[in-house]
Amino acid sequence: MNRKDISHDCAPLLVDGKPLEASSFSATDAKNEFGQMLEMVNAGRAVVITKHDTPKAVMVSYDEFKALSERGVRQLTSLKAEFDELLSSMQTPKARAGITAAFEASPTQLGHAAVSAMRRRS
């Protein structure tokens, strides 16, 4: 078996900001030592499966997987709320009038507006 501790080989695996101990198995050893890998994962370690010394997959406990998955959902929910708030703030009558004016403006009017905006920034 060609298992090794990889804590010094790559960036640490972090779950909720805490490092997760990890060991590495070649793909061949992973196939032959699955039971040992499962015990390690159940003991709170991660297992990195490599092919030609390149990490290809990570095996973690179901609880760790669930925590990682839920974190993504929480982040998406937070971003959705932020987007909805920004969109709502842009739905004012003044904002609607501005959008309508922009889409109905002639090229000359758009050019004058751009020059005016640049002068205000300077």
Protein backbone atom coordinates (compact mmCIF):
# COMPACT_ATOMS: atom_id res chain seq x y z
CA MET A 1 0.00 0.00 0.00
CA ASN A 2 1.28 3.44 -0.93
CA ARG A 3 -0.68 5.60 1.53
CA LYS A 4 0.88 8.78 2.80
CA ASP A 5 -0.05 11.73 4.98
CA ILE A 6 -0.54 14.70 2.65
CA SER A 7 -0.63 17.52 5.16
CA HIS A 8 2.65 18.83 3.73
CA ASP A 9 1.92 18.05 0.05
CA CYS A 10 -0.96 20.43 -0.69
CA ALA A 11 -3.06 23.21 0.75
CA PRO A 12 -4.99 22.03 3.80
CA LEU A 13 -8.58 20.94 3.35
CA LEU A 14 -10.77 23.30 5.35
CA VAL A 15 -14.29 22.61 6.59
CA ASP A 16 -15.95 25.54 8.37
CA GLY A 17 -12.52 27.15 8.67
CA LYS A 18 -10.97 24.16 10.47
CA PRO A 19 -8.28 22.02 8.84
CA LEU A 20 -9.36 18.48 8.01
CA GLU A 21 -6.64 15.86 8.37
CA ALA A 22 -6.10 14.03 5.10
CA SER A 23 -4.25 11.02 3.78
CA SER A 24 -3.52 10.15 0.19
CA PHE A 25 -4.05 6.87 -1.64
CA SER A 26 -3.20 6.06 -5.22
CA ALA A 27 -6.20 4.97 -7.28
CA THR A 28 -4.95 1.37 -7.24
CA ASP A 29 -4.44 1.37 -3.47
CA ALA A 30 -7.84 3.01 -2.99
CA LYS A 31 -9.45 0.13 -4.86
CA ASN A 32 -7.56 -2.46 -2.79
CA GLU A 33 -7.83 -0.70 0.60
CA PHE A 34 -11.37 0.68 0.49
CA GLY A 35 -12.23 -0.68 3.95
CA GLN A 36 -9.28 1.10 5.56
CA MET A 37 -10.18 4.31 3.73
CA LEU A 38 -13.75 4.08 5.00
CA GLU A 39 -12.50 3.66 8.59
CA MET A 40 -10.28 6.73 8.20
CA VAL A 41 -13.16 8.80 6.84
CA ASN A 42 -15.44 7.67 9.68
CA ALA A 43 -12.69 8.74 12.12
CA GLY A 44 -12.87 12.31 10.78
CA ARG A 45 -10.09 12.23 8.20
CA ALA A 46 -10.35 12.96 4.51
CA VAL A 47 -8.83 10.71 1.88
CA VAL A 48 -7.37 12.16 -1.31
CA ILE A 49 -7.27 9.70 -4.20
CA THR A 50 -4.48 10.34 -6.66
CA LYS A 51 -3.61 9.15 -10.13
CA HIS A 52 0.02 9.59 -11.20
CA ASP A 53 0.57 11.66 -8.02
CA THR A 54 -2.13 14.16 -9.03
CA PRO A 55 -5.18 14.55 -6.75
CA LYS A 56 -8.31 13.39 -8.59
CA ALA A 57 -10.96 12.89 -5.87
CA VAL A 58 -11.58 13.37 -2.17
CA MET A 59 -13.50 11.01 0.10
CA VAL A 60 -15.09 12.61 3.17
CA SER A 61 -17.70 11.49 5.68
CA TYR A 62 -21.35 12.01 4.89
CA ASP A 63 -21.57 14.64 7.66
CA GLU A 64 -18.66 16.60 6.15
CA PHE A 65 -20.22 16.34 2.67
CA LYS A 66 -23.55 17.56 4.03
CA ALA A 67 -21.87 20.51 5.79
CA LEU A 68 -20.06 21.48 2.59
CA SER A 69 -23.25 21.18 0.52
CA GLU A 70 -25.33 23.22 2.95
CA ARG A 71 -22.72 25.97 3.04
CA GLY A 72 -23.16 26.43 -0.73
CA VAL A 73 -26.93 26.63 -0.35
CA ARG A 74 -26.59 29.20 2.45
CA GLN A 75 -24.28 31.31 0.28
CA LEU A 76 -26.68 31.15 -2.67
CA THR A 77 -29.61 32.08 -0.43
CA SER A 78 -27.68 35.06 0.89
CA LEU A 79 -26.70 36.19 -2.61
CA LYS A 80 -30.30 35.81 -3.81
CA ALA A 81 -31.54 38.01 -0.96
CA GLU A 82 -28.89 40.63 -1.77
CA PHE A 83 -29.81 40.55 -5.48
CA ASP A 84 -33.54 40.84 -4.71
CA GLU A 85 -32.85 43.85 -2.48
CA LEU A 86 -30.76 45.57 -5.17
CA LEU A 87 -33.35 44.82 -7.84
CA SER A 88 -36.12 46.17 -5.64
CA SER A 89 -34.18 49.40 -5.06
CA MET A 90 -33.95 49.87 -8.84
CA GLN A 91 -37.70 49.54 -9.37
CA THR A 92 -38.55 53.12 -8.42
CA PRO A 93 -40.50 55.40 -10.77
CA LYS A 94 -37.38 57.55 -11.23
CA ALA A 95 -35.28 54.49 -12.21
CA ARG A 96 -37.95 53.30 -14.65
CA ALA A 97 -38.09 56.75 -16.26
CA GLY A 98 -34.30 56.75 -16.61
CA ILE A 99 -34.28 53.34 -18.30
CA THR A 100 -37.07 54.38 -20.65
CA ALA A 101 -35.23 57.58 -21.54
CA ALA A 102 -32.00 55.66 -22.19
CA PHE A 103 -33.68 53.19 -24.53
CA GLU A 104 -35.56 55.91 -26.38
CA ALA A 105 -32.56 58.27 -26.71
CA SER A 106 -31.02 59.01 -30.08
CA PRO A 107 -27.31 58.34 -30.67
CA THR A 108 -26.65 62.08 -30.43
CA GLN A 109 -28.42 62.31 -27.06
CA LEU A 110 -26.48 59.28 -25.77
CA GLY A 111 -23.21 60.92 -26.89
CA HIS A 112 -24.05 64.17 -25.07
CA ALA A 113 -24.98 62.23 -21.93
CA ALA A 114 -21.68 60.31 -22.02
CA VAL A 115 -19.60 63.47 -22.43
CA SER A 116 -21.55 65.16 -19.62
CA ALA A 117 -21.00 62.19 -17.30
CA MET A 118 -17.24 62.20 -17.99
CA ARG A 119 -17.02 65.91 -17.25
CA ARG A 120 -18.77 65.40 -13.90
CA ARG A 121 -16.20 62.69 -12.96
CA SER A 122 -13.22 64.92 -13.76
